[in-house]
Amino acid sequence: MREQKLAMIRECRYFAKGDIVVFAACILLVVIFTLLAFGAREEAGSSFEVISYGETIATLPLDEDAEYLYTVQNGKGSIVRVMVGEYYENFENGNLIRVEGGKVCVAEADCPDRTCVLMGQADSGELICMPHGLTIKITGGGLGSDV
């Protein structure tokens, strides 16, 4: 077998037919697993959990349009329901969470980077605001998050 390989290398044939079949099978498996991993769509959730610094402080429905004000004081988060459309410009150290059309988003935040606001609306997965220790975890769908 070794002599055959050396002879093939001398003839500038670096791969045998069996080698090409094995490489093709590996590439095909990588493509299939990539399509499965990125093509699987999570089902829309029916509710969401508001998690403050790792502790669930509320479980709320996604089927009811509402706004909630999440604030942090003394290292603890709290959440209250507010009137839809009412503008809160004076809240400090918090986020305005909006539920609309079965999706949830962080509509406003006073954190420096506002990445949580840029995440947009979601009906599956998680939304995170690191400066305020806020995680919004959407639950009740088919494929949940890995957390």
N, C-alpha and C. Protein backbone atom coordinates (compact mmCIF):
# COMPACT_ATOMS: atom_id res chain seq x y z
N MET A 1 0.82 -1.18 0.00
CA MET A 1 0.00 0.00 0.00
C MET A 1 0.88 1.26 0.00
N ARG A 2 1.92 1.23 0.81
CA ARG A 2 2.80 2.39 0.89
C ARG A 2 3.51 2.62 -0.43
N GLU A 3 3.93 1.54 -1.05
CA GLU A 3 4.61 1.65 -2.33
C GLU A 3 3.68 2.24 -3.38
N GLN A 4 2.39 1.87 -3.32
CA GLN A 4 1.42 2.41 -4.28
C GLN A 4 1.27 3.92 -4.08
N LYS A 5 1.19 4.36 -2.85
CA LYS A 5 1.07 5.79 -2.56
C LYS A 5 2.30 6.54 -3.06
N LEU A 6 3.48 5.99 -2.79
CA LEU A 6 4.71 6.64 -3.24
C LEU A 6 4.75 6.71 -4.77
N ALA A 7 4.28 5.67 -5.40
CA ALA A 7 4.26 5.67 -6.86
C ALA A 7 3.29 6.72 -7.39
N MET A 8 2.16 6.85 -6.74
CA MET A 8 1.16 7.85 -7.15
C MET A 8 1.70 9.26 -6.94
N ILE A 9 2.43 9.48 -5.85
CA ILE A 9 3.01 10.79 -5.59
C ILE A 9 4.05 11.12 -6.66
N ARG A 10 4.85 10.12 -7.04
CA ARG A 10 5.85 10.34 -8.09
C ARG A 10 5.18 10.69 -9.42
N GLU A 11 3.98 10.16 -9.63
CA GLU A 11 3.25 10.43 -10.88
C GLU A 11 2.41 11.71 -10.75
N CYS A 12 2.58 12.45 -9.65
CA CYS A 12 1.83 13.69 -9.37
C CYS A 12 0.34 13.43 -9.17
N ARG A 13 0.01 12.28 -8.69
CA ARG A 13 -1.37 11.98 -8.32
C ARG A 13 -1.37 11.86 -6.79
N TYR A 14 -1.82 12.93 -6.14
CA TYR A 14 -1.70 13.00 -4.68
C TYR A 14 -2.85 12.29 -3.95
N PHE A 15 -3.96 12.12 -4.63
CA PHE A 15 -5.13 11.50 -3.99
C PHE A 15 -5.58 10.28 -4.79
N ALA A 16 -5.93 9.24 -4.06
CA ALA A 16 -6.53 8.07 -4.69
C ALA A 16 -8.04 8.31 -4.79
N LYS A 17 -8.71 7.47 -5.55
CA LYS A 17 -10.17 7.64 -5.70
C LYS A 17 -10.88 7.55 -4.36
N GLY A 18 -10.42 6.67 -3.51
CA GLY A 18 -11.04 6.52 -2.19
C GLY A 18 -10.88 7.77 -1.34
N ASP A 19 -9.73 8.44 -1.47
CA ASP A 19 -9.50 9.69 -0.72
C ASP A 19 -10.49 10.76 -1.14
N ILE A 20 -10.73 10.87 -2.43
CA ILE A 20 -11.66 11.90 -2.94
C ILE A 20 -13.07 11.63 -2.44
N VAL A 21 -13.47 10.37 -2.39
CA VAL A 21 -14.81 10.01 -1.90
C VAL A 21 -14.94 10.39 -0.42
N VAL A 22 -13.92 10.14 0.37
CA VAL A 22 -13.96 10.48 1.80
C VAL A 22 -14.04 11.99 1.99
N PHE A 23 -13.23 12.76 1.25
CA PHE A 23 -13.27 14.23 1.34
C PHE A 23 -14.63 14.77 0.92
N ALA A 24 -15.19 14.23 -0.14
CA ALA A 24 -16.50 14.68 -0.62
C ALA A 24 -17.58 14.39 0.41
N ALA A 25 -17.51 13.22 1.05
CA ALA A 25 -18.49 12.88 2.08
C ALA A 25 -18.38 13.82 3.28
N CYS A 26 -17.15 14.16 3.67
CA CYS A 26 -16.95 15.09 4.79
C CYS A 26 -17.51 16.48 4.47
N ILE A 27 -17.23 16.97 3.28
CA ILE A 27 -17.74 18.28 2.88
C ILE A 27 -19.26 18.27 2.83
N LEU A 28 -19.84 17.19 2.31
CA LEU A 28 -21.30 17.08 2.26
C LEU A 28 -21.90 17.09 3.67
N LEU A 29 -21.29 16.38 4.61
CA LEU A 29 -21.79 16.38 5.99
C LEU A 29 -21.69 17.77 6.62
N VAL A 30 -20.61 18.48 6.38
CA VAL A 30 -20.47 19.84 6.92
C VAL A 30 -21.56 20.74 6.36
N VAL A 31 -21.83 20.65 5.08
CA VAL A 31 -22.87 21.48 4.45
C VAL A 31 -24.25 21.14 5.03
N ILE A 32 -24.54 19.86 5.18
CA ILE A 32 -25.85 19.45 5.72
C ILE A 32 -26.03 19.95 7.16
N PHE A 33 -25.03 19.77 8.01
CA PHE A 33 -25.14 20.22 9.40
C PHE A 33 -25.22 21.74 9.51
N THR A 34 -24.53 22.44 8.64
CA THR A 34 -24.60 23.91 8.64
C THR A 34 -26.00 24.37 8.26
N LEU A 35 -26.58 23.76 7.23
CA LEU A 35 -27.94 24.12 6.83
C LEU A 35 -28.95 23.81 7.93
N LEU A 36 -28.78 22.68 8.59
CA LEU A 36 -29.70 22.33 9.68
C LEU A 36 -29.56 23.29 10.85
N ALA A 37 -28.34 23.67 11.18
CA ALA A 37 -28.12 24.54 12.34
C ALA A 37 -28.66 25.94 12.11
N PHE A 38 -28.44 26.48 10.92
CA PHE A 38 -28.86 27.86 10.67
C PHE A 38 -30.23 27.95 10.03
N GLY A 39 -30.73 26.85 9.51
CA GLY A 39 -32.03 26.87 8.85
C GLY A 39 -33.19 26.58 9.78
N ALA A 40 -32.93 26.01 10.96
CA ALA A 40 -34.00 25.68 11.89
C ALA A 40 -34.54 26.95 12.52
N ARG A 41 -35.80 27.21 12.34
CA ARG A 41 -36.45 28.40 12.89
C ARG A 41 -37.16 28.03 14.18
N GLU A 42 -36.87 28.79 15.21
CA GLU A 42 -37.56 28.57 16.48
C GLU A 42 -39.02 29.01 16.33
N GLU A 43 -39.91 28.27 16.97
CA GLU A 43 -41.31 28.68 16.98
C GLU A 43 -41.48 29.90 17.87
N ALA A 44 -42.46 30.73 17.52
CA ALA A 44 -42.73 31.91 18.32
C ALA A 44 -43.18 31.49 19.71
N GLY A 45 -42.71 32.21 20.70
CA GLY A 45 -43.08 31.92 22.08
C GLY A 45 -44.44 32.50 22.44
N SER A 46 -44.95 32.09 23.58
CA SER A 46 -46.25 32.58 24.04
C SER A 46 -46.11 33.49 25.26
N SER A 47 -44.94 33.50 25.86
CA SER A 47 -44.71 34.35 27.03
C SER A 47 -43.22 34.67 27.10
N PHE A 48 -42.87 35.55 28.04
CA PHE A 48 -41.46 35.86 28.24
C PHE A 48 -41.18 36.07 29.72
N GLU A 49 -39.96 35.73 30.09
CA GLU A 49 -39.52 35.91 31.47
C GLU A 49 -38.63 37.14 31.53
N VAL A 50 -38.82 37.94 32.56
CA VAL A 50 -37.93 39.06 32.82
C VAL A 50 -36.99 38.60 33.92
N ILE A 51 -35.70 38.53 33.58
CA ILE A 51 -34.70 38.01 34.50
C ILE A 51 -33.76 39.15 34.87
N SER A 52 -33.65 39.41 36.16
CA SER A 52 -32.79 40.47 36.66
C SER A 52 -31.63 39.85 37.42
N TYR A 53 -30.43 40.05 36.91
CA TYR A 53 -29.23 39.51 37.52
C TYR A 53 -29.38 38.03 37.86
N GLY A 54 -29.93 37.25 36.91
CA GLY A 54 -30.07 35.80 37.06
C GLY A 54 -31.30 35.33 37.79
N GLU A 55 -32.11 36.22 38.31
CA GLU A 55 -33.32 35.85 39.06
C GLU A 55 -34.56 36.26 38.28
N THR A 56 -35.46 35.31 38.03
CA THR A 56 -36.70 35.61 37.32
C THR A 56 -37.61 36.44 38.22
N ILE A 57 -37.97 37.64 37.75
CA ILE A 57 -38.82 38.50 38.56
C ILE A 57 -40.24 38.60 38.01
N ALA A 58 -40.46 38.16 36.76
CA ALA A 58 -41.80 38.20 36.20
C ALA A 58 -41.88 37.29 34.98
N THR A 59 -43.05 36.69 34.78
CA THR A 59 -43.38 35.95 33.56
C THR A 59 -44.62 36.61 32.99
N LEU A 60 -44.51 37.11 31.76
CA LEU A 60 -45.56 37.93 31.18
C LEU A 60 -45.98 37.37 29.81
N PRO A 61 -47.24 37.61 29.39
CA PRO A 61 -47.71 37.07 28.11
C PRO A 61 -47.26 37.90 26.91
N LEU A 62 -47.11 37.24 25.78
CA LEU A 62 -46.77 37.93 24.54
C LEU A 62 -48.00 38.28 23.71
N ASP A 63 -49.15 37.72 24.07
CA ASP A 63 -50.34 37.94 23.26
C ASP A 63 -51.12 39.20 23.65
N GLU A 64 -50.63 39.94 24.60
CA GLU A 64 -51.29 41.16 25.06
C GLU A 64 -50.34 42.35 24.91
N ASP A 65 -50.71 43.32 24.06
CA ASP A 65 -49.87 44.50 23.88
C ASP A 65 -49.78 45.29 25.19
N ALA A 66 -48.57 45.59 25.60
CA ALA A 66 -48.35 46.29 26.87
C ALA A 66 -46.96 46.88 26.90
N GLU A 67 -46.73 47.77 27.86
CA GLU A 67 -45.40 48.32 28.12
C GLU A 67 -45.08 48.15 29.60
N TYR A 68 -43.82 47.84 29.86
CA TYR A 68 -43.37 47.60 31.22
C TYR A 68 -42.10 48.42 31.46
N LEU A 69 -41.99 48.96 32.63
CA LEU A 69 -40.81 49.73 33.01
C LEU A 69 -39.97 48.88 33.96
N TYR A 70 -38.77 48.54 33.53
CA TYR A 70 -37.83 47.77 34.34
C TYR A 70 -36.79 48.75 34.87
N THR A 71 -36.62 48.77 36.18
CA THR A 71 -35.63 49.65 36.79
C THR A 71 -34.77 48.86 37.78
N VAL A 72 -33.58 49.37 37.99
CA VAL A 72 -32.64 48.74 38.93
C VAL A 72 -32.31 49.74 40.02
N GLN A 73 -32.52 49.32 41.27
CA GLN A 73 -32.14 50.14 42.42
C GLN A 73 -31.51 49.24 43.45
N ASN A 74 -30.36 49.67 43.95
CA ASN A 74 -29.61 48.93 44.96
C ASN A 74 -29.31 47.50 44.50
N GLY A 75 -29.00 47.33 43.22
CA GLY A 75 -28.63 46.03 42.71
C GLY A 75 -29.77 45.06 42.50
N LYS A 76 -31.01 45.52 42.64
CA LYS A 76 -32.17 44.66 42.43
C LYS A 76 -33.06 45.27 41.35
N GLY A 77 -33.55 44.41 40.48
CA GLY A 77 -34.43 44.87 39.42
C GLY A 77 -35.89 44.71 39.81
N SER A 78 -36.72 45.63 39.30
CA SER A 78 -38.16 45.51 39.51
C SER A 78 -38.84 45.92 38.21
N ILE A 79 -40.07 45.45 38.04
CA ILE A 79 -40.81 45.74 36.82
C ILE A 79 -42.23 46.13 37.17
N VAL A 80 -42.74 47.15 36.47
CA VAL A 80 -44.13 47.58 36.65
C VAL A 80 -44.73 47.82 35.27
N ARG A 81 -46.03 47.56 35.17
CA ARG A 81 -46.73 47.82 33.91
C ARG A 81 -47.08 49.29 33.84
N VAL A 82 -46.89 49.88 32.66
CA VAL A 82 -47.19 51.30 32.46
C VAL A 82 -48.20 51.44 31.32
N MET A 83 -48.76 52.60 31.18
CA MET A 83 -49.74 52.87 30.13
C MET A 83 -49.04 52.87 28.77
N VAL A 84 -49.63 52.19 27.79
CA VAL A 84 -49.05 52.12 26.45
C VAL A 84 -49.00 53.51 25.84
N GLY A 85 -47.86 53.85 25.28
CA GLY A 85 -47.71 55.13 24.61
C GLY A 85 -47.29 56.27 25.51
N GLU A 86 -47.37 56.09 26.81
CA GLU A 86 -46.97 57.15 27.73
C GLU A 86 -45.44 57.27 27.70
N TYR A 87 -44.95 58.45 27.57
CA TYR A 87 -43.51 58.64 27.41
C TYR A 87 -42.86 58.83 28.77
N TYR A 88 -41.80 58.06 29.01
CA TYR A 88 -41.08 58.14 30.28
C TYR A 88 -39.67 58.63 30.00
N GLU A 89 -39.45 59.91 30.12
CA GLU A 89 -38.13 60.45 29.86
C GLU A 89 -37.29 60.56 31.11
N ASN A 90 -37.90 60.46 32.28
CA ASN A 90 -37.16 60.67 33.52
C ASN A 90 -36.80 59.39 34.26
N PHE A 91 -37.05 58.24 33.66
CA PHE A 91 -36.67 57.03 34.38
C PHE A 91 -35.15 56.90 34.35
N GLU A 92 -34.63 56.38 35.43
CA GLU A 92 -33.18 56.22 35.56
C GLU A 92 -32.85 54.77 35.82
N ASN A 93 -31.73 54.37 35.24
CA ASN A 93 -31.21 53.04 35.48
C ASN A 93 -32.23 51.96 35.12
N GLY A 94 -32.74 52.01 33.88
CA GLY A 94 -33.74 51.04 33.50
C GLY A 94 -33.99 50.96 32.01
N ASN A 95 -35.02 50.17 31.69
CA ASN A 95 -35.41 49.91 30.32
C ASN A 95 -36.93 49.95 30.19
N LEU A 96 -37.41 50.40 29.05
CA LEU A 96 -38.83 50.34 28.73
C LEU A 96 -39.03 49.16 27.80
N ILE A 97 -39.78 48.16 28.26
CA ILE A 97 -40.02 46.93 27.50
C ILE A 97 -41.39 47.05 26.84
N ARG A 98 -41.45 46.81 25.54
CA ARG A 98 -42.72 46.93 24.80
C ARG A 98 -43.09 45.59 24.19
N VAL A 99 -44.36 45.19 24.41
CA VAL A 99 -44.91 43.99 23.79
C VAL A 99 -45.94 44.46 22.78
N GLU A 100 -45.74 44.02 21.52
CA GLU A 100 -46.62 44.48 20.46
C GLU A 100 -46.68 43.42 19.36
N GLY A 101 -47.90 43.00 19.03
CA GLY A 101 -48.07 42.03 17.95
C GLY A 101 -47.42 40.69 18.19
N GLY A 102 -47.36 40.25 19.43
CA GLY A 102 -46.76 38.96 19.75
C GLY A 102 -45.25 38.97 19.83
N LYS A 103 -44.65 40.17 19.78
CA LYS A 103 -43.20 40.29 19.87
C LYS A 103 -42.84 41.24 21.00
N VAL A 104 -41.65 41.08 21.54
CA VAL A 104 -41.19 41.92 22.63
C VAL A 104 -39.90 42.62 22.21
N CYS A 105 -39.70 43.82 22.72
CA CYS A 105 -38.46 44.54 22.45
C CYS A 105 -38.17 45.47 23.61
N VAL A 106 -36.93 45.93 23.67
CA VAL A 106 -36.55 46.98 24.60
C VAL A 106 -36.69 48.28 23.79
N ALA A 107 -37.73 49.03 24.08
CA ALA A 107 -38.03 50.24 23.30
C ALA A 107 -37.11 51.40 23.65
N GLU A 108 -36.78 51.54 24.93
CA GLU A 108 -35.91 52.62 25.38
C GLU A 108 -35.02 52.11 26.50
N ALA A 109 -33.85 52.70 26.60
CA ALA A 109 -32.92 52.34 27.67
C ALA A 109 -32.02 53.52 27.95
N ASP A 110 -31.59 53.65 29.19
CA ASP A 110 -30.66 54.74 29.51
C ASP A 110 -29.24 54.23 29.72
N CYS A 111 -28.97 53.02 29.26
CA CYS A 111 -27.60 52.50 29.35
C CYS A 111 -26.74 53.16 28.27
N PRO A 112 -25.43 53.16 28.44
CA PRO A 112 -24.56 53.90 27.53
C PRO A 112 -24.54 53.38 26.09
N ASP A 113 -24.58 52.06 25.89
CA ASP A 113 -24.44 51.56 24.52
C ASP A 113 -25.76 51.29 23.81
N ARG A 114 -26.84 51.11 24.53
CA ARG A 114 -28.17 50.89 23.98
C ARG A 114 -28.24 49.71 23.00
N THR A 115 -27.37 48.74 23.20
CA THR A 115 -27.37 47.55 22.34
C THR A 115 -28.69 46.80 22.45
N CYS A 116 -29.29 46.80 23.62
CA CYS A 116 -30.56 46.09 23.82
C CYS A 116 -31.66 46.70 22.95
N VAL A 117 -31.64 48.00 22.74
CA VAL A 117 -32.64 48.66 21.88
C VAL A 117 -32.40 48.27 20.43
N LEU A 118 -31.14 48.16 20.05
CA LEU A 118 -30.79 47.82 18.67
C LEU A 118 -31.09 46.38 18.31
N MET A 119 -31.35 45.53 19.30
CA MET A 119 -31.67 44.12 19.03
C MET A 119 -33.02 43.98 18.36
N GLY A 120 -33.88 44.97 18.48
CA GLY A 120 -35.18 44.94 17.80
C GLY A 120 -36.19 44.02 18.47
N GLN A 121 -37.28 43.75 17.74
CA GLN A 121 -38.35 42.91 18.25
C GLN A 121 -38.01 41.44 18.07
N ALA A 122 -38.50 40.61 18.98
CA ALA A 122 -38.25 39.17 18.90
C ALA A 122 -39.46 38.41 19.40
N ASP A 123 -39.68 37.23 18.80
CA ASP A 123 -40.72 36.33 19.30
C ASP A 123 -40.13 34.98 19.71
N SER A 124 -38.79 34.91 19.71
CA SER A 124 -38.09 33.71 20.19
C SER A 124 -36.68 34.12 20.60
N GLY A 125 -36.06 33.31 21.43
CA GLY A 125 -34.69 33.61 21.86
C GLY A 125 -34.63 34.50 23.09
N GLU A 126 -33.61 35.37 23.11
CA GLU A 126 -33.38 36.24 24.28
C GLU A 126 -32.95 37.63 23.84
N LEU A 127 -33.29 38.60 24.66
CA LEU A 127 -32.81 39.98 24.54
C LEU A 127 -32.05 40.28 25.83
N ILE A 128 -30.90 40.94 25.71
CA ILE A 128 -30.06 41.14 26.88
C ILE A 128 -29.60 42.59 26.98
N CYS A 129 -29.65 43.14 28.21
CA CYS A 129 -29.08 44.44 28.51
C CYS A 129 -28.06 44.21 29.63
N MET A 130 -26.80 44.13 29.26
CA MET A 130 -25.74 43.83 30.24
C MET A 130 -25.60 44.90 31.31
N PRO A 131 -25.62 46.20 30.98
CA PRO A 131 -25.42 47.21 32.02
C PRO A 131 -26.47 47.15 33.13
N HIS A 132 -27.70 46.76 32.79
CA HIS A 132 -28.77 46.71 33.80
C HIS A 132 -29.05 45.30 34.32
N GLY A 133 -28.28 44.32 33.87
CA GLY A 133 -28.48 42.95 34.34
C GLY A 133 -29.80 42.36 33.90
N LEU A 134 -30.33 42.82 32.77
CA LEU A 134 -31.66 42.41 32.29
C LEU A 134 -31.53 41.36 31.19
N THR A 135 -32.29 40.28 31.33
CA THR A 135 -32.44 39.28 30.28
C THR A 135 -33.92 39.06 30.07
N ILE A 136 -34.35 39.15 28.82
CA ILE A 136 -35.74 38.83 28.46
C ILE A 136 -35.67 37.52 27.69
N LYS A 137 -36.19 36.47 28.29
CA LYS A 137 -36.14 35.13 27.71
C LYS A 137 -37.54 34.73 27.25
N ILE A 138 -37.69 34.53 25.96
CA ILE A 138 -38.99 34.18 25.40
C ILE A 138 -39.19 32.68 25.55
N THR A 139 -40.33 32.30 26.12
CA THR A 139 -40.60 30.90 26.42
C THR A 139 -41.91 30.47 25.76
N GLY A 140 -42.14 29.17 25.77
CA GLY A 140 -43.39 28.64 25.28
C GLY A 140 -43.37 28.29 23.81
N GLY A 141 -42.22 28.41 23.13
CA GLY A 141 -42.12 28.04 21.73
C GLY A 141 -41.63 26.61 21.60
N GLY A 142 -41.41 26.16 20.36
CA GLY A 142 -40.97 24.80 20.11
C GLY A 142 -39.52 24.57 20.49
N LEU A 143 -38.62 25.33 19.89
CA LEU A 143 -37.20 25.20 20.18
C LEU A 143 -36.79 26.34 21.07
N GLY A 144 -36.41 26.07 22.31
CA GLY A 144 -36.03 27.13 23.24
C GLY A 144 -34.56 27.44 23.11
N SER A 145 -34.11 28.36 23.92
CA SER A 145 -32.69 28.68 23.90
C SER A 145 -31.92 27.62 24.66
N ASP A 146 -30.60 27.66 24.54
CA ASP A 146 -29.76 26.68 25.20
C ASP A 146 -29.49 26.98 26.65
N VAL A 147 -29.96 28.10 27.15
CA VAL A 147 -29.66 28.52 28.51
C VAL A 147 -30.55 27.78 29.49
